[in-house]
Amino acid sequence: MAEIEELVEIFKALSDPTRLRLVKLLKECQEGSGVCKGGPLCVNALAHQLGVTQSAVSQHLRILKQAGLVRGERNGLYMHYALDPEGLQRYRAGLQETLGKDFGIG
């Protein structure tokens, strides 16, 4: 049952359009596509790309970090954020186990 609770947490974290856009932007940055040159981004760059305030991005990142989707690394004075591959894999495995491989996960 704990696995179900973890899946509920991720669905809640991704239920906000700004957070979902934030995850998509971080994914594009890791792939080196889109508006990014690749690699983690700081809150200011994320806010600029999404057209929202830095404080809003910080709040959304906090929720995504709590869900295990995002990680932060200090780079000089700034924190840079990226998707957490281990957290994503954990949720992918949970979805596969719960919904089955025929659902298209994986």
Protein backbone atom coordinates (compact mmCIF):
# COMPACT_ATOMS: atom_id res chain seq x y z
CA MET A 1 0.00 0.00 0.00
CA ALA A 2 2.97 2.33 0.55
CA GLU A 3 3.65 2.09 -3.19
CA ILE A 4 0.17 3.43 -3.91
CA GLU A 5 0.78 6.35 -1.54
CA GLU A 6 4.03 7.17 -3.37
CA LEU A 7 2.19 7.17 -6.71
CA VAL A 8 -0.49 9.44 -5.24
CA GLU A 9 2.27 11.85 -4.15
CA ILE A 10 3.73 12.04 -7.64
CA PHE A 11 0.34 12.53 -9.26
CA LYS A 12 -0.38 15.36 -6.82
CA ALA A 13 3.00 16.93 -7.57
CA LEU A 14 2.37 16.77 -11.32
CA SER A 15 -1.26 17.92 -11.13
CA ASP A 16 -0.30 21.61 -11.31
CA PRO A 17 0.26 22.94 -14.86
CA THR A 18 3.28 25.04 -13.85
CA ARG A 19 4.97 22.09 -12.17
CA LEU A 20 4.31 19.91 -15.19
CA ARG A 21 5.80 22.62 -17.44
CA LEU A 22 8.77 22.84 -15.07
CA VAL A 23 9.39 19.08 -15.30
CA LYS A 24 9.12 19.24 -19.10
CA LEU A 25 11.61 22.12 -19.23
CA LEU A 26 14.08 20.27 -16.98
CA LYS A 27 13.72 17.17 -19.16
CA GLU A 28 14.47 19.19 -22.30
CA CYS A 29 17.50 20.72 -20.61
CA GLN A 30 18.88 17.31 -19.68
CA GLU A 31 18.42 16.17 -23.27
CA GLY A 32 20.09 19.32 -24.56
CA SER A 33 17.02 20.26 -26.58
CA GLY A 34 14.58 23.14 -26.47
CA VAL A 35 15.73 26.48 -25.09
CA CYS A 36 18.50 24.98 -22.95
CA LYS A 37 22.06 24.15 -23.79
CA GLY A 38 21.94 21.16 -21.46
CA GLY A 39 22.41 20.68 -17.77
CA PRO A 40 20.73 21.97 -14.63
CA LEU A 41 19.22 25.44 -14.38
CA CYS A 42 18.98 27.95 -11.56
CA VAL A 43 15.67 29.34 -10.27
CA ASN A 44 16.16 32.62 -12.15
CA ALA A 45 16.61 30.86 -15.51
CA LEU A 46 13.64 28.58 -14.84
CA ALA A 47 11.46 31.55 -13.87
CA HIS A 48 12.48 33.42 -17.02
CA GLN A 49 11.71 30.45 -19.28
CA LEU A 50 8.34 29.78 -17.65
CA GLY A 51 7.29 33.41 -17.31
CA VAL A 52 6.58 33.16 -13.58
CA THR A 53 8.18 34.68 -10.51
CA GLN A 54 11.27 33.24 -8.86
CA SER A 55 9.33 32.69 -5.63
CA ALA A 56 6.69 30.68 -7.51
CA VAL A 57 9.38 28.52 -9.12
CA SER A 58 10.99 27.97 -5.72
CA GLN A 59 7.68 26.81 -4.25
CA HIS A 60 7.04 24.45 -7.16
CA LEU A 61 10.58 23.06 -6.96
CA ARG A 62 10.10 22.39 -3.24
CA ILE A 63 7.05 20.24 -3.99
CA LEU A 64 8.82 18.41 -6.82
CA LYS A 65 11.83 17.77 -4.58
CA GLN A 66 9.60 16.39 -1.82
CA ALA A 67 8.09 14.02 -4.38
CA GLY A 68 11.58 12.90 -5.40
CA LEU A 69 11.36 14.17 -8.97
CA VAL A 70 13.89 17.00 -8.79
CA ARG A 71 17.28 17.42 -7.15
CA GLY A 72 19.33 20.53 -6.52
CA GLU A 73 23.10 21.03 -6.65
CA ARG A 74 24.96 24.05 -5.41
CA ASN A 75 27.05 25.67 -8.12
CA GLY A 76 28.83 28.67 -6.63
CA LEU A 77 26.24 30.97 -5.10
CA TYR A 78 23.29 29.37 -6.87
CA MET A 79 21.36 26.14 -6.66
CA HIS A 80 20.90 24.43 -10.00
CA TYR A 81 18.02 22.01 -10.49
CA ALA A 82 17.62 18.91 -12.62
CA LEU A 83 15.36 15.89 -12.75
CA ASP A 84 16.32 13.13 -10.35
CA PRO A 85 16.86 10.01 -12.49
CA GLU A 86 16.64 7.67 -9.48
CA GLY A 87 13.31 9.16 -8.40
CA LEU A 88 11.94 8.95 -11.93
CA GLN A 89 12.99 5.31 -12.22
CA ARG A 90 11.35 4.48 -8.90
CA TYR A 91 8.05 5.96 -10.06
CA ARG A 92 8.32 4.30 -13.46
CA ALA A 93 8.75 0.92 -11.76
CA GLY A 94 5.81 1.62 -9.46
CA LEU A 95 3.59 2.56 -12.40
CA GLN A 96 4.60 -0.56 -14.30
CA GLU A 97 3.85 -2.75 -11.32
CA THR A 98 0.52 -1.07 -10.66
CA LEU A 99 -0.75 -0.52 -14.21
CA GLY A 100 1.12 -3.22 -16.09
CA LYS A 101 3.44 -3.06 -19.07
CA ASP A 102 0.50 -2.96 -21.48
CA PHE A 103 -0.29 0.54 -20.21
CA GLY A 104 2.68 1.86 -22.19
CA ILE A 105 5.05 2.69 -19.35
CA GLY A 106 8.68 1.85 -20.04
